[in-house]
Protein backbone atom coordinates (compact mmCIF):
# COMPACT_ATOMS: atom_id res chain seq x y z
CA UNK A 1 -30.61 35.27 -23.59
CA UNK A 2 -29.86 31.95 -21.66
CA UNK A 3 -29.87 32.51 -17.82
CA UNK A 4 -29.29 30.79 -14.61
CA UNK A 5 -32.16 27.93 -14.24
CA UNK A 6 -35.16 29.17 -12.10
CA UNK A 7 -34.43 26.64 -9.41
CA UNK A 8 -30.54 27.37 -9.38
CA UNK A 9 -29.17 26.90 -5.75
CA UNK A 10 -27.36 30.15 -4.63
CA UNK A 11 -25.67 28.94 -1.54
CA UNK A 12 -23.01 29.56 1.09
CA UNK A 13 -20.48 26.86 2.56
CA UNK A 14 -19.11 26.02 5.78
CA UNK A 15 -17.23 23.22 7.58
CA UNK A 16 -18.22 21.74 11.31
CA UNK A 17 -14.39 21.58 11.99
CA UNK A 18 -14.19 25.39 11.19
CA UNK A 19 -17.19 26.91 12.56
CA UNK A 20 -19.18 24.61 15.10
CA UNK A 21 -16.58 24.77 18.32
CA UNK A 22 -17.86 22.93 21.42
CA UNK A 23 -15.30 20.49 21.02
CA UNK A 24 -15.82 19.10 24.25
CA UNK A 25 -19.62 19.34 24.63
CA UNK A 26 -22.46 17.12 23.60
CA UNK A 27 -20.69 14.14 23.75
CA UNK A 28 -18.29 14.77 20.94
CA UNK A 29 -15.01 13.23 20.63
CA UNK A 30 -11.76 14.39 19.15
CA UNK A 31 -11.10 15.17 15.65
CA UNK A 32 -8.12 15.72 13.59
CA UNK A 33 -8.83 19.55 13.51
CA UNK A 34 -9.01 19.83 17.26
CA UNK A 35 -5.26 18.83 17.33
CA UNK A 36 -3.93 21.27 14.85
CA UNK A 37 -2.52 24.47 16.15
CA UNK A 38 -2.37 28.11 15.16
CA UNK A 39 1.29 29.01 14.75
CA UNK A 40 1.42 32.78 14.38
CA UNK A 41 5.47 32.36 13.84
CA UNK A 42 4.97 31.10 10.51
CA UNK A 43 4.50 33.18 7.61
CA UNK A 44 1.22 32.87 5.66
CA UNK A 45 3.15 31.79 2.68
CA UNK A 46 4.62 28.84 4.56
CA UNK A 47 2.31 26.49 3.03
CA UNK A 48 4.18 23.19 3.61
CA UNK A 49 4.89 23.82 7.31
CA UNK A 50 1.34 25.62 7.97
CA UNK A 51 -0.34 22.13 6.82
CA UNK A 52 2.11 19.54 8.12
CA UNK A 53 1.43 17.94 11.59
CA UNK A 54 4.05 15.76 13.24
CA UNK A 55 3.34 13.18 15.94
CA UNK A 56 5.16 15.39 18.52
CA UNK A 57 2.57 18.08 17.66
CA UNK A 58 -0.04 15.54 18.50
CA UNK A 59 1.36 14.88 21.85
CA UNK A 60 1.33 18.57 22.60
CA UNK A 61 -2.37 18.82 21.66
CA UNK A 62 -3.18 15.83 23.84
CA UNK A 63 -1.52 17.88 26.80
CA UNK A 64 -3.09 20.91 26.04
CA UNK A 65 -6.45 20.34 27.70
CA UNK A 66 -8.09 23.87 27.01
CA UNK A 67 -8.59 25.69 23.66
CA UNK A 68 -5.12 27.41 23.92
CA UNK A 69 -4.00 28.02 20.26
CA UNK A 70 -6.19 25.10 18.90
CA UNK A 71 -8.87 27.44 17.18
CA UNK A 72 -10.69 24.83 15.52
CA UNK A 73 -11.83 23.83 19.13
CA UNK A 74 -13.88 26.71 19.48
CA UNK A 75 -14.49 27.80 15.87
CA UNK A 76 -17.11 30.71 15.75
CA UNK A 77 -19.46 29.01 18.04
CA UNK A 78 -22.06 27.96 15.49
CA UNK A 79 -22.99 25.22 17.87
CA UNK A 80 -24.57 27.78 20.26
CA UNK A 81 -25.44 30.38 17.59
CA UNK A 82 -26.72 28.45 14.67
CA UNK A 83 -30.35 30.13 14.94
CA UNK A 84 -28.78 33.61 14.97
CA UNK A 85 -26.65 32.45 12.00
CA UNK A 86 -29.36 30.43 10.01
CA UNK A 87 -31.71 33.86 10.33
CA UNK A 88 -28.88 35.80 8.93
CA UNK A 89 -28.77 33.26 5.87
CA UNK A 90 -32.51 33.66 5.48
CA UNK A 91 -31.95 37.39 5.45
CA UNK A 92 -29.45 37.02 2.55
CA UNK A 93 -31.91 34.87 0.60
CA UNK A 94 -29.71 31.81 0.74
CA UNK A 95 -31.29 28.95 -1.28
CA UNK A 96 -29.06 26.48 0.11
CA UNK A 97 -26.63 25.97 2.80
CA UNK A 98 -23.67 23.71 2.62
CA UNK A 99 -22.79 22.28 6.10
CA UNK A 100 -21.03 19.31 7.34
CA UNK A 101 -21.95 16.60 10.06
CA UNK A 102 -18.83 16.17 12.41
CA UNK A 103 -18.49 12.42 12.41
CA UNK A 104 -17.26 12.10 15.92
CA UNK A 105 -20.07 14.19 17.38
CA UNK A 106 -22.28 11.18 16.26
CA UNK A 107 -19.60 8.32 17.05
CA UNK A 108 -17.20 10.01 19.31
CA UNK A 109 -14.43 7.35 18.76
CA UNK A 110 -15.82 6.12 15.52
CA UNK A 111 -16.21 2.54 16.96
CA UNK A 112 -19.29 2.70 19.03
CA UNK A 113 -22.38 0.65 18.04
CA UNK A 114 -24.79 2.85 19.36
CA UNK A 115 -24.57 6.67 17.99
CA UNK A 116 -24.43 9.52 20.33
CA UNK A 117 -28.18 10.93 20.57
CA UNK A 118 -27.06 14.40 21.63
CA UNK A 119 -24.96 14.65 18.47
CA UNK A 120 -28.00 13.61 16.19
CA UNK A 121 -30.28 15.89 18.04
CA UNK A 122 -28.13 18.86 17.37
CA UNK A 123 -28.18 18.21 13.57
CA UNK A 124 -31.82 17.68 13.75
CA UNK A 125 -32.37 21.06 15.47
CA UNK A 126 -30.11 22.76 12.50
CA UNK A 127 -32.03 20.97 10.10
CA UNK A 128 -35.61 22.31 11.53
CA UNK A 129 -34.19 25.72 11.45
CA UNK A 130 -33.32 25.52 7.90
CA UNK A 131 -36.60 24.13 7.13
CA UNK A 132 -38.09 26.98 8.72
CA UNK A 133 -36.78 29.46 6.35
CA UNK A 134 -37.09 27.16 3.45
CA UNK A 135 -33.05 26.63 2.99
CA UNK A 136 -32.07 23.46 1.24
CA UNK A 137 -29.42 21.74 3.09
CA UNK A 138 -25.98 20.25 1.23
CA UNK A 139 -24.42 17.98 3.73
CA UNK A 140 -20.96 16.73 3.93
CA UNK A 141 -20.56 13.50 5.59
CA UNK A 142 -16.70 13.97 6.27
CA UNK A 143 -15.29 17.24 5.91
CA UNK A 144 -11.78 16.68 7.55
CA UNK A 145 -13.41 15.36 10.20
CA UNK A 146 -12.32 11.77 10.88
CA UNK A 147 -12.50 10.82 14.55
CA UNK A 148 -9.31 10.85 15.96
CA UNK A 149 -9.41 7.41 17.90
CA UNK A 150 -9.68 5.63 14.39
CA UNK A 151 -6.31 7.28 13.20
CA UNK A 152 -4.54 6.55 16.63
CA UNK A 153 -5.82 3.06 17.39
CA UNK A 154 -7.20 1.63 14.11
CA UNK A 155 -4.74 2.71 11.49
CA UNK A 156 -7.25 4.89 10.15
CA UNK A 157 -7.70 5.13 6.25
CA UNK A 158 -4.71 2.98 5.56
CA UNK A 159 -6.93 -0.37 6.12
CA UNK A 160 -10.38 -1.74 5.05
CA UNK A 161 -11.32 -1.98 8.55
CA UNK A 162 -12.31 1.68 8.66
CA UNK A 163 -15.09 1.00 5.95
CA UNK A 164 -17.04 -0.91 8.55
CA UNK A 165 -17.27 2.17 10.78
CA UNK A 166 -17.75 4.57 7.95
CA UNK A 167 -21.02 2.38 6.59
CA UNK A 168 -22.09 2.31 10.21
CA UNK A 169 -21.77 6.17 10.37
CA UNK A 170 -23.33 6.76 6.97
CA UNK A 171 -26.27 4.39 7.32
CA UNK A 172 -27.10 6.03 10.80
CA UNK A 173 -27.28 9.70 9.49
CA UNK A 174 -29.10 8.47 5.96
CA UNK A 175 -31.74 6.95 8.41
CA UNK A 176 -31.99 9.54 10.80
CA UNK A 177 -32.28 12.49 8.15
CA UNK A 178 -34.17 10.50 5.57
CA UNK A 179 -36.44 13.09 3.76
CA UNK A 180 -34.86 16.02 5.26
CA UNK A 181 -31.58 16.00 3.31
CA UNK A 182 -31.46 15.64 -0.51
CA UNK A 183 -28.01 16.58 -1.27
CA UNK A 184 -25.29 14.38 0.33
CA UNK A 185 -21.72 14.64 -0.31
CA UNK A 186 -19.40 12.00 1.35
CA UNK A 187 -16.10 13.71 1.17
CA UNK A 188 -14.95 17.37 0.78
CA UNK A 189 -12.09 17.47 -1.73
CA UNK A 190 -11.44 13.71 -1.88
CA UNK A 191 -8.17 14.42 -3.76
CA UNK A 192 -6.94 16.58 -0.45
CA UNK A 193 -5.15 13.62 1.05
CA UNK A 194 -2.42 13.46 -1.35
CA UNK A 195 -1.74 17.34 -1.00
CA UNK A 196 -2.66 17.77 2.98
CA UNK A 197 -2.32 14.20 4.22
CA UNK A 198 -2.93 15.04 7.77
CA UNK A 199 -6.47 16.80 7.47
CA UNK A 200 -7.32 14.50 4.69
CA UNK A 201 -6.45 11.15 6.26
CA UNK A 202 -4.64 11.67 9.40
CA UNK A 203 -1.15 10.73 8.09
CA UNK A 204 2.24 11.82 9.86
CA UNK A 205 5.23 12.29 7.49
CA UNK A 206 7.65 11.57 10.45
CA UNK A 207 5.59 8.13 11.03
CA UNK A 208 5.13 6.96 7.64
CA UNK A 209 8.85 8.10 6.34
CA UNK A 210 9.61 6.35 3.42
CA UNK A 211 5.99 4.85 2.95
CA UNK A 212 4.37 8.11 2.92
CA UNK A 213 3.36 8.17 -0.57
CA UNK A 214 2.21 4.58 -0.45
CA UNK A 215 0.07 5.47 2.55
CA UNK A 216 -1.51 8.32 0.81
CA UNK A 217 -2.46 6.62 -2.13
CA UNK A 218 -3.81 3.47 -0.07
CA UNK A 219 -5.85 5.86 1.98
CA UNK A 220 -7.39 7.53 -0.86
CA UNK A 221 -8.26 4.37 -2.43
CA UNK A 222 -10.46 3.45 0.55
CA UNK A 223 -11.77 6.94 0.62
CA UNK A 224 -13.17 6.43 -2.89
CA UNK A 225 -14.64 3.11 -2.07
CA UNK A 226 -16.43 4.89 0.92
CA UNK A 227 -17.73 7.43 -1.41
CA UNK A 228 -19.25 4.43 -3.35
CA UNK A 229 -20.27 2.83 -0.20
CA UNK A 230 -22.44 5.87 0.77
CA UNK A 231 -24.10 5.84 -2.65
CA UNK A 232 -24.96 2.13 -2.00
CA UNK A 233 -26.68 2.84 1.32
CA UNK A 234 -28.77 5.62 0.03
CA UNK A 235 -29.98 3.51 -2.60
CA UNK A 236 -31.24 1.00 0.14
CA UNK A 237 -32.20 3.67 2.61
CA UNK A 238 -33.50 6.84 1.04
CA UNK A 239 -33.84 6.34 -3.03
CA UNK A 240 -34.66 10.02 -3.24
CA UNK A 241 -31.22 11.12 -1.82
CA UNK A 242 -28.53 12.15 -4.24
CA UNK A 243 -24.77 11.36 -3.56
CA UNK A 244 -22.10 13.49 -5.21
CA UNK A 245 -18.48 13.46 -5.41
CA UNK A 246 -16.11 16.54 -4.89
CA UNK A 247 -12.58 17.67 -5.53
CA UNK A 248 -10.35 20.50 -5.09
CA UNK A 249 -10.06 21.55 -8.79
CA UNK A 250 -6.50 22.27 -9.86
CA UNK A 251 -7.10 24.07 -13.33
CA UNK A 252 -4.16 23.73 -14.99
CA UNK A 253 -2.61 25.57 -18.08
CA UNK A 254 0.76 24.72 -19.84
CA UNK A 255 3.66 27.26 -19.12
CA UNK A 256 4.36 27.30 -22.99
CA UNK A 257 3.08 25.61 -26.20
CA UNK A 258 6.08 23.50 -25.89
CA UNK A 259 4.75 19.90 -26.71
CA UNK A 260 6.45 18.46 -23.55
CA UNK A 261 4.67 21.31 -21.48
CA UNK A 262 1.22 20.40 -23.06
CA UNK A 263 1.64 16.91 -22.25
CA UNK A 264 2.53 17.54 -18.65
CA UNK A 265 -0.51 19.42 -18.51
CA UNK A 266 -2.60 16.25 -19.36
CA UNK A 267 -0.86 14.23 -16.85
CA UNK A 268 -1.29 16.59 -13.92
CA UNK A 269 -4.75 17.08 -14.83
CA UNK A 270 -5.24 13.16 -14.48
CA UNK A 271 -3.32 12.75 -11.62
CA UNK A 272 -4.49 15.46 -9.45
CA UNK A 273 -8.15 15.81 -10.76
CA UNK A 274 -9.57 13.34 -12.97
CA UNK A 275 -8.29 10.02 -11.21
CA UNK A 276 -10.73 10.63 -8.41
CA UNK A 277 -13.75 11.91 -10.45
CA UNK A 278 -13.34 9.28 -13.53
CA UNK A 279 -13.28 6.61 -10.60
CA UNK A 280 -16.43 7.96 -8.97
CA UNK A 281 -18.44 9.04 -12.09
CA UNK A 282 -17.55 6.38 -14.34
CA UNK A 283 -17.05 3.51 -12.19
CA UNK A 284 -13.66 2.20 -12.84
CA UNK A 285 -10.20 3.22 -11.63
CA UNK A 286 -8.50 4.76 -14.79
CA UNK A 287 -5.78 2.70 -16.99
CA UNK A 288 -3.44 5.61 -16.50
CA UNK A 289 -3.27 4.81 -12.65
CA UNK A 290 -1.55 1.49 -13.31
CA UNK A 291 1.39 3.40 -14.96
CA UNK A 292 1.24 5.69 -12.23
CA UNK A 293 1.50 3.10 -9.56
CA UNK A 294 4.29 1.20 -11.43
CA UNK A 295 6.44 4.32 -11.91
CA UNK A 296 6.16 5.30 -8.43
CA UNK A 297 6.68 1.89 -6.90
CA UNK A 298 3.10 1.82 -5.28
CA UNK A 299 1.37 -1.41 -4.46
CA UNK A 300 -2.15 -0.34 -3.70
CA UNK A 301 -4.29 -2.88 -2.38
CA UNK A 302 -7.52 -3.18 -4.51
CA UNK A 303 -9.78 -5.96 -4.04
CA UNK A 304 -12.46 -7.37 -6.39
CA UNK A 305 -15.02 -6.40 -4.14
CA UNK A 306 -13.82 -2.71 -4.02
CA UNK A 307 -13.81 -2.69 -7.94
CA UNK A 308 -17.62 -4.03 -7.83
CA UNK A 309 -18.65 -1.35 -5.25
CA UNK A 310 -16.96 1.47 -7.37
CA UNK A 311 -18.59 -0.05 -10.26
CA UNK A 312 -22.31 -0.45 -9.34
CA UNK A 313 -22.34 2.87 -7.26
CA UNK A 314 -21.42 6.01 -9.26
CA UNK A 315 -22.04 9.51 -8.26
CA UNK A 316 -25.19 11.25 -9.43
CA UNK A 317 -23.52 14.66 -9.67
CA UNK A 318 -19.79 16.22 -9.68
CA UNK A 319 -18.83 19.28 -7.49
CA UNK A 320 -15.55 20.99 -6.77
CA UNK A 321 -13.93 23.84 -5.09
CA UNK A 322 -12.50 26.52 -7.55
CA UNK A 323 -10.54 29.54 -6.34
CA UNK A 324 -7.35 29.71 -8.60
CA UNK A 325 -5.56 28.32 -11.80
CA UNK A 326 -2.10 27.14 -11.86
CA UNK A 327 0.53 26.56 -14.70
CA UNK A 328 2.80 23.55 -14.98
CA UNK A 329 5.95 22.62 -17.22
CA UNK A 330 7.67 19.49 -18.24
CA UNK A 331 10.41 21.13 -15.98
CA UNK A 332 8.77 22.48 -12.86
CA UNK A 333 12.15 23.68 -11.37
CA UNK A 334 12.16 26.59 -14.20
CA UNK A 335 8.76 27.96 -12.89
CA UNK A 336 8.21 30.82 -10.47
CA UNK A 337 6.03 29.48 -7.69
CA UNK A 338 2.98 30.66 -5.68
CA UNK A 339 0.79 29.19 -2.91
CA UNK A 340 -2.88 27.97 -3.90
CA UNK A 341 -5.55 26.11 -2.61
CA UNK A 342 -3.76 22.85 -0.96
CA UNK A 343 -0.57 22.85 -3.33
CA UNK A 344 2.48 24.94 -4.24
CA UNK A 345 1.64 26.19 -7.86
CA UNK A 346 3.26 27.40 -11.17
CA UNK A 347 2.99 30.99 -11.16
CA UNK A 348 1.06 32.59 -14.11
CA UNK A 349 2.51 36.10 -14.99
CA UNK A 350 -1.17 37.28 -16.49
CA UNK A 351 -2.63 37.01 -13.23
CA UNK A 352 -3.04 38.92 -10.10
CA UNK A 353 -2.88 36.95 -6.73
CA UNK A 354 -4.58 37.42 -3.23
CA UNK A 355 -2.51 38.28 -0.16
CA UNK A 356 -2.13 34.43 0.37
CA UNK A 357 -0.79 33.97 -3.02
CA UNK A 358 -4.00 32.47 -4.85
CA UNK A 359 -4.13 33.51 -8.36
CA UNK A 360 -7.41 34.88 -9.32
CA UNK A 361 -8.67 33.69 -12.56
CA UNK A 362 -12.75 33.71 -13.33
CA UNK A 363 -12.15 32.78 -16.82
CA UNK A 364 -10.52 29.39 -15.41
CA UNK A 365 -13.85 28.75 -13.74
CA UNK A 366 -15.69 28.92 -17.19
CA UNK A 367 -12.71 26.74 -18.69
CA UNK A 368 -12.96 24.05 -15.96
CA UNK A 369 -16.96 23.95 -15.98
CA UNK A 370 -16.66 23.15 -19.73
CA UNK A 371 -14.20 20.50 -19.05
CA UNK A 372 -15.90 18.70 -16.49
CA UNK A 373 -19.37 18.85 -18.31
CA UNK A 374 -17.62 17.69 -21.68
CA UNK A 375 -16.09 14.70 -19.74
CA UNK A 376 -19.01 13.50 -17.82
CA UNK A 377 -22.32 15.10 -18.66
CA UNK A 378 -23.49 15.05 -15.14
CA UNK A 379 -24.95 17.96 -13.18
CA UNK A 380 -22.10 20.26 -11.85
CA UNK A 381 -22.01 21.90 -8.30
CA UNK A 382 -19.47 24.71 -7.50
CA UNK A 383 -19.35 24.19 -3.86
CA UNK A 384 -16.44 26.62 -2.80
CA UNK A 385 -15.52 29.71 -4.37
CA UNK A 386 -14.54 32.94 -2.62
CA UNK A 387 -11.67 35.41 -1.74
CA UNK A 388 -9.81 35.21 1.63
CA UNK A 389 -8.69 38.65 2.51
CA UNK A 390 -8.21 41.12 5.80
CA UNK A 391 -11.29 42.78 6.54
CA UNK A 392 -11.31 46.02 8.49
CA UNK A 393 -14.35 46.33 11.05
CA UNK A 394 -14.94 50.37 11.17
CA UNK A 395 -16.21 52.17 13.99
CA UNK A 396 -19.77 51.78 12.98
CA UNK A 397 -19.50 48.08 12.49
CA UNK A 398 -19.53 48.56 8.66
CA UNK A 399 -16.93 46.31 6.76
CA UNK A 400 -16.25 47.84 3.30
CA UNK A 401 -15.09 44.76 1.01
CA UNK A 402 -15.20 46.02 -2.56
CA UNK A 403 -12.26 43.41 -3.42
CA UNK A 404 -14.63 40.50 -2.38
CA UNK A 405 -17.42 41.72 -4.59
CA UNK A 406 -15.23 42.11 -7.56
CA UNK A 407 -13.90 38.42 -7.25
CA UNK A 408 -17.47 37.08 -6.78
CA UNK A 409 -18.86 39.06 -9.53
CA UNK A 410 -16.09 38.15 -11.85
CA UNK A 411 -16.42 34.44 -11.21
CA UNK A 412 -20.23 34.51 -11.23
CA UNK A 413 -20.14 36.22 -14.74
CA UNK A 414 -17.92 33.45 -15.98
CA UNK A 415 -20.13 30.94 -14.33
CA UNK A 416 -23.15 32.40 -16.40
CA UNK A 417 -21.09 32.00 -19.65
CA UNK A 418 -20.58 28.36 -19.00
CA UNK A 419 -24.39 27.98 -18.69
CA UNK A 420 -24.76 29.66 -22.13
CA UNK A 421 -22.04 27.37 -23.36
CA UNK A 422 -24.70 24.51 -22.49
CA UNK A 423 -23.07 23.20 -19.01
CA UNK A 424 -25.65 22.32 -16.43
CA UNK A 425 -24.59 23.96 -13.46
CA UNK A 426 -27.07 23.19 -10.53
CA UNK A 427 -25.52 25.55 -7.92
CA UNK A 428 -23.13 27.86 -6.55
CA UNK A 429 -21.68 28.29 -3.02
CA UNK A 430 -19.64 30.93 -1.71
CA UNK A 431 -17.02 29.43 0.74
CA UNK A 432 -17.05 30.58 4.18
CA UNK A 433 -20.36 32.55 3.87
CA UNK A 434 -19.73 33.67 7.29
CA UNK A 435 -16.11 34.16 8.68
CA UNK A 436 -14.84 31.12 9.90
CA UNK A 437 -11.27 29.51 10.97
CA UNK A 438 -9.18 28.98 7.93
CA UNK A 439 -8.67 25.36 7.13
CA UNK A 440 -4.94 25.71 6.04
CA UNK A 441 -3.29 28.46 8.20
CA UNK A 442 -5.89 28.31 11.15
CA UNK A 443 -5.96 32.11 11.52
CA UNK A 444 -9.35 34.14 11.69
CA UNK A 445 -8.00 37.19 9.73
CA UNK A 446 -8.23 35.28 6.65
CA UNK A 447 -11.75 36.02 6.33
CA UNK A 448 -13.93 34.63 3.14
CA UNK A 449 -17.83 35.44 4.52
CA UNK A 450 -20.22 37.99 3.53
CA UNK A 451 -20.76 38.05 7.25
CA UNK A 452 -18.33 39.33 9.77
CA UNK A 453 -17.31 37.35 12.95
CA UNK A 454 -15.84 39.66 15.78
CA UNK A 455 -12.78 37.31 16.82
CA UNK A 456 -9.12 37.59 16.24
CA UNK A 457 -6.52 34.95 15.61
CA UNK A 458 -6.16 34.07 19.30
CA UNK A 459 -10.12 33.59 19.86
CA UNK A 460 -10.66 36.70 21.39
CA UNK A 461 -13.48 39.05 20.54
CA UNK A 462 -17.42 39.41 21.04
CA UNK A 463 -18.42 37.01 18.47
CA UNK A 464 -20.95 39.47 17.25
CA UNK A 465 -21.95 38.91 13.69
CA UNK A 466 -21.91 42.17 11.30
CA UNK A 467 -22.94 42.37 7.64
CA UNK A 468 -20.50 43.31 5.15
CA UNK A 469 -20.94 45.25 1.99
CA UNK A 470 -20.86 41.95 0.20
CA UNK A 471 -23.83 40.75 1.96
CA UNK A 472 -25.89 43.33 0.34
CA UNK A 473 -24.20 42.77 -2.90
CA UNK A 474 -24.82 38.80 -2.84
CA UNK A 475 -28.47 39.34 -1.70
CA UNK A 476 -29.27 41.48 -4.65
CA UNK A 477 -27.51 38.88 -6.54
CA UNK A 478 -29.62 35.90 -5.41
CA UNK A 479 -32.89 37.97 -5.56
CA UNK A 480 -32.23 38.41 -9.42
CA UNK A 481 -31.10 34.97 -9.78
CA UNK A 482 -27.59 36.14 -10.84
CA UNK A 483 -28.69 38.89 -13.17
CA UNK A 484 -28.09 41.98 -11.11
CA UNK A 485 -24.52 42.06 -10.23
CA UNK A 486 -23.81 45.82 -10.18
């Protein structure tokens, strides 16, 4: 019977902007997440309102000098507690830890010519701690963490000037951590800018107005070029490093077998998923985007040099986050809607959903793995998968989360089926291996981790770490290389 490879990377994932905290320590500059408030008056299902940031909100964030209702400023204090947390990861048996480097911790405004040594030293120390326990780092260069100064004073990702600052940052961290980091990911969910423009690229709908879609796709283009630039730099600086690419995977089914619905599925998959991976893995902006730009009156500036960089610096592997699937139709107004990762999705009547409306579909993971493998024949990492839920801390500090175990178990089983299908899956990472601040709603009570953090939605709590029932379950899963899931 075919099993997971012996060197399979069982991992856990986090992001600096959701766990580090220490927003005004160690010389760090402001980032996008520092300015996004927790708004308890919004419903958890108010996805658009939760994710939109206006210029007025930005002004209010600048005026708030403390942490207030800005939870990404304090995170879960990983900055000061990383040794404690990594020791727990080692006890869990993690083979790999996905983390991100905060760009403004290295270049506070993004424009400096000399990096912040204190920031570089912090990640040196984190890597040393991982090496102590034999845990392989998987490092994201930009996980929704563009320096705020570049957005406010340099037009951010809308102009090619940002690529100068980006390359300086990339070369700095590749040189500093050469030989210590093998797996580099330039961008988390590089398709996110289209769906969450503020966190993806620092765009404000009240500023962009009628040019909003144009700005979104221009930013995406420069981020795709930036991903290829990271590969170009790695080839020069550390040829042993591997550079990947990642999307938020929107696994899409037609609502019916009506041909128009099936065709709409093809279009949705192209524009929401494959545009990004086709460009970065095949080295060319796909032809279907020409029609898309024309029909949407978009005039995207793409230079010959951009095309050359993309062509010559394709990614070594592909990765994606997978939480749910959705359905589509030629007439989307007829579909019942639900929430999902980043977007409002068409509801599937055959699936159950989480408290946040995310539809649970483990078979969709096998389906998408086969799709990605058949299209690219490049190694695949599942860099995020998990269940956000409200967990209860009992008096004896136990946390019983059978719902999370069921979710993880069913998805790992389907991932194994994909391995049996012949898909080259290299690693699997539970999102939020330790509880952290929610990216979308900015609440703490939407918990993903197998490690509980004692902190509420307002930043109050002891910050003590406790092992959930799912901790022991995942520990057993890793020790058996995915064979013991009971």
